[in-house]
Amino acid sequence: MTDTIRDQILTVRDTGLTNMFDIRMVQRIAFDMDLYELVDYLEDSRAEYVHFILTGET
């Protein structure tokens, strides 16, 4: 996970608009916020994303 992806995840989280385990909604919010790196990342790296959400570790 790159620093950019981590920062984009935290940006979506800070909106408070969704449960971060609702990956489709996270993708939608990221898309609406022009966070396209995160949208692509979530297509290919869901397990790594969930690990980050659960532990805070990259």
PDB file of N, CA and C in Angstrom:
ATOM      1  N   MET A   1       0.844  -1.175   0.000  1.00  0.00           N
ATOM      2  CA  MET A   1       0.000   0.000   0.000  1.00  0.00           C
ATOM      3  C   MET A   1       0.886   1.235   0.000  1.00  0.00           C
ATOM      4  N   THR A   2       0.600   2.127  -0.917  1.00  0.00           N
ATOM      5  CA  THR A   2       1.391   3.360  -0.995  1.00  0.00           C
ATOM      6  C   THR A   2       0.867   4.384   0.013  1.00  0.00           C
ATOM      7  N   ASP A   3       1.669   5.397   0.248  1.00  0.00           N
ATOM      8  CA  ASP A   3       1.243   6.492   1.121  1.00  0.00           C
ATOM      9  C   ASP A   3       0.017   7.194   0.549  1.00  0.00           C
ATOM     10  N   THR A   4      -0.051   7.304  -0.764  1.00  0.00           N
ATOM     11  CA  THR A   4      -1.195   7.946  -1.412  1.00  0.00           C
ATOM     12  C   THR A   4      -2.473   7.179  -1.116  1.00  0.00           C
ATOM     13  N   ILE A   5      -2.427   5.860  -1.251  1.00  0.00           N
ATOM     14  CA  ILE A   5      -3.601   5.029  -0.979  1.00  0.00           C
ATOM     15  C   ILE A   5      -4.011   5.160   0.481  1.00  0.00           C
ATOM     16  N   ARG A   6      -3.042   5.073   1.377  1.00  0.00           N
ATOM     17  CA  ARG A   6      -3.335   5.210   2.814  1.00  0.00           C
ATOM     18  C   ARG A   6      -4.010   6.544   3.097  1.00  0.00           C
ATOM     19  N   ASP A   7      -3.471   7.617   2.548  1.00  0.00           N
ATOM     20  CA  ASP A   7      -4.047   8.943   2.765  1.00  0.00           C
ATOM     21  C   ASP A   7      -5.457   9.049   2.191  1.00  0.00           C
ATOM     22  N   GLN A   8      -5.690   8.409   1.046  1.00  0.00           N
ATOM     23  CA  GLN A   8      -7.016   8.453   0.445  1.00  0.00           C
ATOM     24  C   GLN A   8      -8.021   7.654   1.278  1.00  0.00           C
ATOM     25  N   ILE A   9      -7.603   6.538   1.830  1.00  0.00           N
ATOM     26  CA  ILE A   9      -8.485   5.771   2.727  1.00  0.00           C
ATOM     27  C   ILE A   9      -8.869   6.627   3.927  1.00  0.00           C
ATOM     28  N   LEU A  10      -7.894   7.280   4.507  1.00  0.00           N
ATOM     29  CA  LEU A  10      -8.164   8.116   5.677  1.00  0.00           C
ATOM     30  C   LEU A  10      -9.053   9.301   5.320  1.00  0.00           C
ATOM     31  N   THR A  11      -8.901   9.823   4.117  1.00  0.00           N
ATOM     32  CA  THR A  11      -9.750  10.924   3.665  1.00  0.00           C
ATOM     33  C   THR A  11     -11.205  10.480   3.582  1.00  0.00           C
ATOM     34  N   VAL A  12     -11.443   9.302   3.009  1.00  0.00           N
ATOM     35  CA  VAL A  12     -12.809   8.782   2.929  1.00  0.00           C
ATOM     36  C   VAL A  12     -13.339   8.506   4.333  1.00  0.00           C
ATOM     37  N   ARG A  13     -12.522   7.913   5.176  1.00  0.00           N
ATOM     38  CA  ARG A  13     -12.941   7.612   6.553  1.00  0.00           C
ATOM     39  C   ARG A  13     -13.362   8.880   7.280  1.00  0.00           C
ATOM     40  N   ASP A  14     -12.590   9.943   7.093  1.00  0.00           N
ATOM     41  CA  ASP A  14     -12.856  11.190   7.801  1.00  0.00           C
ATOM     42  C   ASP A  14     -14.159  11.866   7.377  1.00  0.00           C
ATOM     43  N   THR A  15     -14.725  11.475   6.236  1.00  0.00           N
ATOM     44  CA  THR A  15     -16.020  12.040   5.843  1.00  0.00           C
ATOM     45  C   THR A  15     -17.134  11.524   6.739  1.00  0.00           C
ATOM     46  N   GLY A  16     -16.980  10.318   7.281  1.00  0.00           N
ATOM     47  CA  GLY A  16     -18.005   9.733   8.130  1.00  0.00           C
ATOM     48  C   GLY A  16     -19.257   9.312   7.367  1.00  0.00           C
ATOM     49  N   LEU A  17     -19.166   9.200   6.054  1.00  0.00           N
ATOM     50  CA  LEU A  17     -20.336   8.909   5.231  1.00  0.00           C
ATOM     51  C   LEU A  17     -20.696   7.433   5.139  1.00  0.00           C
ATOM     52  N   THR A  18     -19.773   6.542   5.498  1.00  0.00           N
ATOM     53  CA  THR A  18     -20.048   5.112   5.336  1.00  0.00           C
ATOM     54  C   THR A  18     -19.253   4.284   6.320  1.00  0.00           C
ATOM     55  N   ASN A  19     -19.719   3.069   6.515  1.00  0.00           N
ATOM     56  CA  ASN A  19     -18.951   2.063   7.221  1.00  0.00           C
ATOM     57  C   ASN A  19     -17.810   1.669   6.288  1.00  0.00           C
ATOM     58  N   MET A  20     -16.597   1.686   6.770  1.00  0.00           N
ATOM     59  CA  MET A  20     -15.438   1.442   5.916  1.00  0.00           C
ATOM     60  C   MET A  20     -15.368   0.000   5.422  1.00  0.00           C
ATOM     61  N   PHE A  21     -16.200  -0.898   5.960  1.00  0.00           N
ATOM     62  CA  PHE A  21     -16.261  -2.264   5.442  1.00  0.00           C
ATOM     63  C   PHE A  21     -17.230  -2.390   4.268  1.00  0.00           C
ATOM     64  N   ASP A  22     -17.990  -1.352   3.997  1.00  0.00           N
ATOM     65  CA  ASP A  22     -18.859  -1.319   2.818  1.00  0.00           C
ATOM     66  C   ASP A  22     -17.998  -0.846   1.648  1.00  0.00           C
ATOM     67  N   ILE A  23     -17.263  -1.781   1.090  1.00  0.00           N
ATOM     68  CA  ILE A  23     -16.226  -1.453   0.113  1.00  0.00           C
ATOM     69  C   ILE A  23     -16.800  -0.783  -1.127  1.00  0.00           C
ATOM     70  N   ARG A  24     -17.957  -1.220  -1.579  1.00  0.00           N
ATOM     71  CA  ARG A  24     -18.578  -0.583  -2.761  1.00  0.00           C
ATOM     72  C   ARG A  24     -18.898   0.888  -2.487  1.00  0.00           C
ATOM     73  N   MET A  25     -19.380   1.191  -1.297  1.00  0.00           N
ATOM     74  CA  MET A  25     -19.678   2.586  -0.961  1.00  0.00           C
ATOM     75  C   MET A  25     -18.387   3.385  -0.804  1.00  0.00           C
ATOM     76  N   VAL A  26     -17.365   2.766  -0.230  1.00  0.00           N
ATOM     77  CA  VAL A  26     -16.061   3.444  -0.133  1.00  0.00           C
ATOM     78  C   VAL A  26     -15.567   3.786  -1.535  1.00  0.00           C
ATOM     79  N   GLN A  27     -15.714   2.837  -2.469  1.00  0.00           N
ATOM     80  CA  GLN A  27     -15.308   3.105  -3.855  1.00  0.00           C
ATOM     81  C   GLN A  27     -16.120   4.251  -4.445  1.00  0.00           C
ATOM     82  N   ARG A  28     -17.403   4.260  -4.197  1.00  0.00           N
ATOM     83  CA  ARG A  28     -18.264   5.313  -4.746  1.00  0.00           C
ATOM     84  C   ARG A  28     -17.877   6.684  -4.202  1.00  0.00           C
ATOM     85  N   ILE A  29     -17.658   6.764  -2.909  1.00  0.00           N
ATOM     86  CA  ILE A  29     -17.253   8.024  -2.291  1.00  0.00           C
ATOM     87  C   ILE A  29     -15.898   8.453  -2.836  1.00  0.00           C
ATOM     88  N   ALA A  30     -14.967   7.501  -2.952  1.00  0.00           N
ATOM     89  CA  ALA A  30     -13.641   7.815  -3.499  1.00  0.00           C
ATOM     90  C   ALA A  30     -13.765   8.343  -4.927  1.00  0.00           C
ATOM     91  N   PHE A  31     -14.607   7.709  -5.723  1.00  0.00           N
ATOM     92  CA  PHE A  31     -14.819   8.163  -7.094  1.00  0.00           C
ATOM     93  C   PHE A  31     -15.373   9.583  -7.110  1.00  0.00           C
ATOM     94  N   ASP A  32     -16.365   9.835  -6.283  1.00  0.00           N
ATOM     95  CA  ASP A  32     -16.972  11.173  -6.217  1.00  0.00           C
ATOM     96  C   ASP A  32     -15.982  12.233  -5.754  1.00  0.00           C
ATOM     97  N   MET A  33     -14.978  11.816  -4.971  1.00  0.00           N
ATOM     98  CA  MET A  33     -13.967  12.751  -4.467  1.00  0.00           C
ATOM     99  C   MET A  33     -12.724  12.789  -5.359  1.00  0.00           C
ATOM    100  N   ASP A  34     -12.801  12.145  -6.531  1.00  0.00           N
ATOM    101  CA  ASP A  34     -11.675  12.083  -7.480  1.00  0.00           C
ATOM    102  C   ASP A  34     -10.455  11.371  -6.914  1.00  0.00           C
ATOM    103  N   LEU A  35     -10.676  10.381  -6.075  1.00  0.00           N
ATOM    104  CA  LEU A  35      -9.593   9.580  -5.492  1.00  0.00           C
ATOM    105  C   LEU A  35      -9.477   8.282  -6.276  1.00  0.00           C
ATOM    106  N   TYR A  36      -9.102   8.405  -7.534  1.00  0.00           N
ATOM    107  CA  TYR A  36      -9.143   7.282  -8.464  1.00  0.00           C
ATOM    108  C   TYR A  36      -8.139   6.184  -8.141  1.00  0.00           C
ATOM    109  N   GLU A  37      -7.020   6.529  -7.502  1.00  0.00           N
ATOM    110  CA  GLU A  37      -6.052   5.508  -7.109  1.00  0.00           C
ATOM    111  C   GLU A  37      -6.699   4.530  -6.133  1.00  0.00           C
ATOM    112  N   LEU A  38      -7.486   5.059  -5.195  1.00  0.00           N
ATOM    113  CA  LEU A  38      -8.170   4.212  -4.222  1.00  0.00           C
ATOM    114  C   LEU A  38      -9.234   3.348  -4.889  1.00  0.00           C
ATOM    115  N   VAL A  39      -9.966   3.907  -5.831  1.00  0.00           N
ATOM    116  CA  VAL A  39     -10.974   3.137  -6.555  1.00  0.00           C
ATOM    117  C   VAL A  39     -10.328   1.925  -7.220  1.00  0.00           C
ATOM    118  N   ASP A  40      -9.221   2.131  -7.907  1.00  0.00           N
ATOM    119  CA  ASP A  40      -8.520   1.031  -8.570  1.00  0.00           C
ATOM    120  C   ASP A  40      -7.941   0.040  -7.560  1.00  0.00           C
ATOM    121  N   TYR A  41      -7.368   0.559  -6.494  1.00  0.00           N
ATOM    122  CA  TYR A  41      -6.759  -0.277  -5.458  1.00  0.00           C
ATOM    123  C   TYR A  41      -7.783  -1.247  -4.865  1.00  0.00           C
ATOM    124  N   LEU A  42      -8.987  -0.765  -4.623  1.00  0.00           N
ATOM    125  CA  LEU A  42     -10.013  -1.599  -4.006  1.00  0.00           C
ATOM    126  C   LEU A  42     -10.485  -2.717  -4.923  1.00  0.00           C
ATOM    127  N   GLU A  43     -10.290  -2.576  -6.209  1.00  0.00           N
ATOM    128  CA  GLU A  43     -10.632  -3.651  -7.143  1.00  0.00           C
ATOM    129  C   GLU A  43      -9.691  -4.843  -6.993  1.00  0.00           C
ATOM    130  N   ASP A  44      -8.420  -4.574  -6.697  1.00  0.00           N
ATOM    131  CA  ASP A  44      -7.387  -5.607  -6.720  1.00  0.00           C
ATOM    132  C   ASP A  44      -6.857  -6.017  -5.354  1.00  0.00           C
ATOM    133  N   SER A  45      -7.055  -5.206  -4.333  1.00  0.00           N
ATOM    134  CA  SER A  45      -6.357  -5.446  -3.060  1.00  0.00           C
ATOM    135  C   SER A  45      -7.296  -5.378  -1.861  1.00  0.00           C
ATOM    136  N   ARG A  46      -8.420  -6.024  -1.967  1.00  0.00           N
ATOM    137  CA  ARG A  46      -9.407  -5.953  -0.880  1.00  0.00           C
ATOM    138  C   ARG A  46      -8.888  -6.538   0.429  1.00  0.00           C
ATOM    139  N   ALA A  47      -8.182  -7.645   0.367  1.00  0.00           N
ATOM    140  CA  ALA A  47      -7.676  -8.268   1.597  1.00  0.00           C
ATOM    141  C   ALA A  47      -6.702  -7.333   2.307  1.00  0.00           C
ATOM    142  N   GLU A  48      -5.826  -6.707   1.555  1.00  0.00           N
ATOM    143  CA  GLU A  48      -4.872  -5.758   2.142  1.00  0.00           C
ATOM    144  C   GLU A  48      -5.607  -4.561   2.741  1.00  0.00           C
ATOM    145  N   TYR A  49      -6.641  -4.091   2.058  1.00  0.00           N
ATOM    146  CA  TYR A  49      -7.454  -2.983   2.548  1.00  0.00           C
ATOM    147  C   TYR A  49      -8.129  -3.353   3.872  1.00  0.00           C
ATOM    148  N   VAL A  50      -8.767  -4.519   3.928  1.00  0.00           N
ATOM    149  CA  VAL A  50      -9.452  -4.944   5.144  1.00  0.00           C
ATOM    150  C   VAL A  50      -8.450  -5.088   6.288  1.00  0.00           C
ATOM    151  N   HIS A  51      -7.284  -5.629   5.998  1.00  0.00           N
ATOM    152  CA  HIS A  51      -6.239  -5.733   7.042  1.00  0.00           C
ATOM    153  C   HIS A  51      -5.895  -4.357   7.578  1.00  0.00           C
ATOM    154  N   PHE A  52      -5.764  -3.368   6.710  1.00  0.00           N
ATOM    155  CA  PHE A  52      -5.465  -2.006   7.147  1.00  0.00           C
ATOM    156  C   PHE A  52      -6.590  -1.433   7.998  1.00  0.00           C
ATOM    157  N   ILE A  53      -7.829  -1.656   7.589  1.00  0.00           N
ATOM    158  CA  ILE A  53      -8.964  -1.133   8.355  1.00  0.00           C
ATOM    159  C   ILE A  53      -9.018  -1.784   9.747  1.00  0.00           C
ATOM    160  N   LEU A  54      -8.743  -3.062   9.815  1.00  0.00           N
ATOM    161  CA  LEU A  54      -8.799  -3.767  11.106  1.00  0.00           C
ATOM    162  C   LEU A  54      -7.641  -3.438  12.029  1.00  0.00           C
ATOM    163  N   THR A  55      -6.444  -3.281  11.468  1.00  0.00           N
ATOM    164  CA  THR A  55      -5.243  -3.159  12.310  1.00  0.00           C
ATOM    165  C   THR A  55      -4.563  -1.798  12.263  1.00  0.00           C
ATOM    166  N   GLY A  56      -4.795  -1.042  11.191  1.00  0.00           N
ATOM    167  CA  GLY A  56      -4.075   0.223  11.018  1.00  0.00           C
ATOM    168  C   GLY A  56      -2.665   0.027  10.496  1.00  0.00           C
ATOM    169  N   GLU A  57      -2.336  -1.223  10.175  1.00  0.00           N
ATOM    170  CA  GLU A  57      -0.999  -1.547   9.670  1.00  0.00           C
ATOM    171  C   GLU A  57      -1.044  -1.714   8.164  1.00  0.00           C
ATOM    172  N   THR A  58       0.008  -1.224   7.511  1.00  0.00           N
ATOM    173  CA  THR A  58       0.084  -1.367   6.045  1.00  0.00           C
ATOM    174  C   THR A  58       0.900  -2.578   5.685  1.00  0.00           C
TER     175      THR A  58
END
